[in-house]
Amino acid sequence: MDYVVIVEKAENSFGAYVPDLPGCVAVAATRRNRALDKDAIRSTGRLQQDGQAIPAPSSSIELVHVEA
């Protein structure tokens, strides 16, 4: 499955979250060290252990170009 991961730059770090998986977030000092993508998504296996279904991906991305 492919999930959309939103990455945001803060003043001194990067944050990331998965819109389809509430609570699936991560913060790291550099974008490269961000451990969210696969590890955090895999950790949603805890939902299954609690008897909840892991939501199927439903978010999509679209880039919109705006002239500066």
N, C-alpha and C. Protein backbone atom coordinates (compact mmCIF):
# COMPACT_ATOMS: atom_id res chain seq x y z
N MET A 1 0.84 -1.18 0.00
CA MET A 1 0.00 0.00 0.00
C MET A 1 0.88 1.24 0.00
N ASP A 2 0.41 2.28 -0.63
CA ASP A 2 1.14 3.54 -0.69
C ASP A 2 0.35 4.60 0.06
N TYR A 3 0.98 5.21 1.07
CA TYR A 3 0.35 6.27 1.86
C TYR A 3 1.00 7.60 1.55
N VAL A 4 0.20 8.66 1.55
CA VAL A 4 0.72 10.02 1.41
C VAL A 4 1.35 10.41 2.74
N VAL A 5 2.58 10.94 2.69
CA VAL A 5 3.27 11.45 3.87
C VAL A 5 3.49 12.94 3.63
N ILE A 6 2.96 13.76 4.52
CA ILE A 6 3.13 15.20 4.43
C ILE A 6 4.35 15.58 5.27
N VAL A 7 5.31 16.26 4.65
CA VAL A 7 6.53 16.67 5.33
C VAL A 7 6.52 18.19 5.43
N GLU A 8 6.76 18.70 6.63
CA GLU A 8 6.77 20.14 6.85
C GLU A 8 8.08 20.54 7.53
N LYS A 9 8.67 21.63 7.05
CA LYS A 9 9.91 22.13 7.65
C LYS A 9 9.54 23.14 8.72
N ALA A 10 10.09 22.93 9.91
CA ALA A 10 9.95 23.89 11.00
C ALA A 10 11.27 24.67 11.09
N GLU A 11 11.39 25.51 12.07
CA GLU A 11 12.60 26.33 12.19
C GLU A 11 13.86 25.48 12.35
N ASN A 12 13.80 24.45 13.19
CA ASN A 12 14.99 23.63 13.47
C ASN A 12 14.77 22.15 13.27
N SER A 13 13.72 21.76 12.59
CA SER A 13 13.43 20.33 12.43
C SER A 13 12.48 20.11 11.27
N PHE A 14 12.18 18.85 11.04
CA PHE A 14 11.18 18.46 10.05
C PHE A 14 10.13 17.62 10.74
N GLY A 15 8.89 17.83 10.38
CA GLY A 15 7.80 17.02 10.90
C GLY A 15 7.13 16.30 9.74
N ALA A 16 6.52 15.20 10.04
CA ALA A 16 5.83 14.46 8.99
C ALA A 16 4.62 13.76 9.60
N TYR A 17 3.57 13.63 8.79
CA TYR A 17 2.39 12.90 9.25
C TYR A 17 1.71 12.24 8.06
N VAL A 18 0.88 11.26 8.37
CA VAL A 18 0.15 10.51 7.35
C VAL A 18 -1.34 10.81 7.54
N PRO A 19 -1.95 11.55 6.61
CA PRO A 19 -3.36 11.93 6.78
C PRO A 19 -4.31 10.75 6.98
N ASP A 20 -4.00 9.63 6.38
CA ASP A 20 -4.89 8.47 6.48
C ASP A 20 -4.71 7.68 7.77
N LEU A 21 -3.68 8.00 8.55
CA LEU A 21 -3.40 7.25 9.78
C LEU A 21 -3.28 8.23 10.94
N PRO A 22 -4.38 8.62 11.55
CA PRO A 22 -4.33 9.58 12.65
C PRO A 22 -3.35 9.15 13.73
N GLY A 23 -2.54 10.09 14.18
CA GLY A 23 -1.54 9.80 15.20
C GLY A 23 -0.22 9.30 14.66
N CYS A 24 -0.13 9.07 13.37
CA CYS A 24 1.10 8.59 12.75
C CYS A 24 1.93 9.82 12.38
N VAL A 25 2.81 10.23 13.31
CA VAL A 25 3.61 11.44 13.13
C VAL A 25 5.05 11.18 13.55
N ALA A 26 5.95 12.04 13.08
CA ALA A 26 7.35 11.94 13.48
C ALA A 26 8.00 13.30 13.31
N VAL A 27 9.04 13.53 14.10
CA VAL A 27 9.84 14.75 14.01
C VAL A 27 11.29 14.34 14.02
N ALA A 28 12.12 15.03 13.21
CA ALA A 28 13.55 14.73 13.17
C ALA A 28 14.31 16.02 12.88
N ALA A 29 15.57 16.02 13.24
CA ALA A 29 16.41 17.20 13.03
C ALA A 29 16.63 17.49 11.56
N THR A 30 16.72 16.45 10.74
CA THR A 30 16.91 16.65 9.30
C THR A 30 15.88 15.83 8.54
N ARG A 31 15.62 16.26 7.35
CA ARG A 31 14.66 15.52 6.52
C ARG A 31 15.16 14.11 6.26
N ARG A 32 16.43 13.98 6.07
CA ARG A 32 17.02 12.68 5.75
C ARG A 32 16.89 11.69 6.92
N ASN A 33 16.96 12.19 8.15
CA ASN A 33 16.89 11.33 9.33
C ASN A 33 15.46 11.03 9.76
N ARG A 34 14.50 11.56 9.07
CA ARG A 34 13.11 11.35 9.42
C ARG A 34 12.79 9.86 9.33
N ALA A 35 12.36 9.28 10.40
CA ALA A 35 12.14 7.84 10.44
C ALA A 35 10.67 7.48 10.24
N LEU A 36 9.86 8.45 9.88
CA LEU A 36 8.42 8.18 9.81
C LEU A 36 8.06 7.15 8.75
N ASP A 37 8.40 7.43 7.56
CA ASP A 37 7.83 6.75 6.42
C ASP A 37 7.43 5.30 6.68
N LYS A 38 8.35 4.40 6.59
CA LYS A 38 7.97 2.99 6.70
C LYS A 38 7.84 2.52 8.15
N ASP A 39 8.75 2.95 9.01
CA ASP A 39 8.72 2.46 10.39
C ASP A 39 7.44 2.86 11.12
N ALA A 40 7.08 4.13 11.04
CA ALA A 40 5.89 4.58 11.75
C ALA A 40 4.63 3.98 11.14
N ILE A 41 4.60 3.88 9.83
CA ILE A 41 3.42 3.29 9.18
C ILE A 41 3.30 1.82 9.58
N ARG A 42 4.42 1.12 9.62
CA ARG A 42 4.37 -0.29 10.05
C ARG A 42 3.89 -0.41 11.49
N SER A 43 4.23 0.59 12.32
CA SER A 43 3.86 0.51 13.73
C SER A 43 2.35 0.62 13.92
N THR A 44 1.64 1.00 12.89
CA THR A 44 0.18 1.04 13.01
C THR A 44 -0.37 -0.37 13.14
N GLY A 45 0.50 -1.35 13.06
CA GLY A 45 0.08 -2.72 13.33
C GLY A 45 -0.52 -2.84 14.72
N ARG A 46 -0.19 -1.87 15.59
CA ARG A 46 -0.81 -1.85 16.92
C ARG A 46 -2.32 -1.71 16.82
N LEU A 47 -2.78 -1.02 15.80
CA LEU A 47 -4.23 -0.91 15.60
C LEU A 47 -4.84 -2.29 15.43
N GLN A 48 -4.17 -3.13 14.65
CA GLN A 48 -4.68 -4.48 14.43
C GLN A 48 -4.68 -5.26 15.74
N GLN A 49 -3.65 -5.08 16.55
CA GLN A 49 -3.59 -5.78 17.82
C GLN A 49 -4.74 -5.37 18.73
N ASP A 50 -5.20 -4.14 18.58
CA ASP A 50 -6.33 -3.64 19.37
C ASP A 50 -7.67 -3.97 18.72
N GLY A 51 -7.63 -4.72 17.63
CA GLY A 51 -8.85 -5.12 16.97
C GLY A 51 -9.38 -4.10 15.98
N GLN A 52 -8.62 -3.06 15.70
CA GLN A 52 -9.05 -2.05 14.75
C GLN A 52 -8.42 -2.32 13.39
N ALA A 53 -9.11 -1.97 12.35
CA ALA A 53 -8.58 -2.13 11.00
C ALA A 53 -7.66 -0.96 10.68
N ILE A 54 -6.59 -1.23 9.96
CA ILE A 54 -5.72 -0.16 9.47
C ILE A 54 -6.41 0.45 8.25
N PRO A 55 -6.65 1.76 8.27
CA PRO A 55 -7.34 2.37 7.13
C PRO A 55 -6.57 2.22 5.84
N ALA A 56 -7.27 1.94 4.78
CA ALA A 56 -6.65 1.87 3.46
C ALA A 56 -6.28 3.28 3.03
N PRO A 57 -5.24 3.42 2.24
CA PRO A 57 -4.88 4.75 1.76
C PRO A 57 -6.01 5.36 0.94
N SER A 58 -6.32 6.62 1.21
CA SER A 58 -7.36 7.30 0.41
C SER A 58 -6.94 8.70 0.03
N SER A 59 -5.88 9.23 0.65
CA SER A 59 -5.41 10.58 0.32
C SER A 59 -4.62 10.54 -0.98
N SER A 60 -4.61 11.66 -1.66
CA SER A 60 -3.80 11.79 -2.87
C SER A 60 -3.15 13.17 -2.84
N ILE A 61 -2.19 13.37 -3.71
CA ILE A 61 -1.54 14.67 -3.77
C ILE A 61 -1.75 15.28 -5.15
N GLU A 62 -1.72 16.58 -5.18
CA GLU A 62 -1.81 17.31 -6.42
C GLU A 62 -0.97 18.57 -6.24
N LEU A 63 -0.07 18.81 -7.16
CA LEU A 63 0.73 20.01 -7.12
C LEU A 63 0.04 21.07 -7.95
N VAL A 64 -0.04 22.28 -7.42
CA VAL A 64 -0.66 23.39 -8.13
C VAL A 64 0.40 24.46 -8.33
N HIS A 65 0.67 24.81 -9.56
CA HIS A 65 1.69 25.82 -9.88
C HIS A 65 1.04 27.19 -9.88
N VAL A 66 1.65 28.13 -9.16
CA VAL A 66 1.18 29.51 -9.11
C VAL A 66 2.35 30.40 -9.46
N GLU A 67 2.16 31.28 -10.41
CA GLU A 67 3.24 32.20 -10.79
C GLU A 67 3.53 33.14 -9.64
N ALA A 68 4.81 33.37 -9.35
CA ALA A 68 5.20 34.26 -8.25
C ALA A 68 5.03 35.71 -8.64
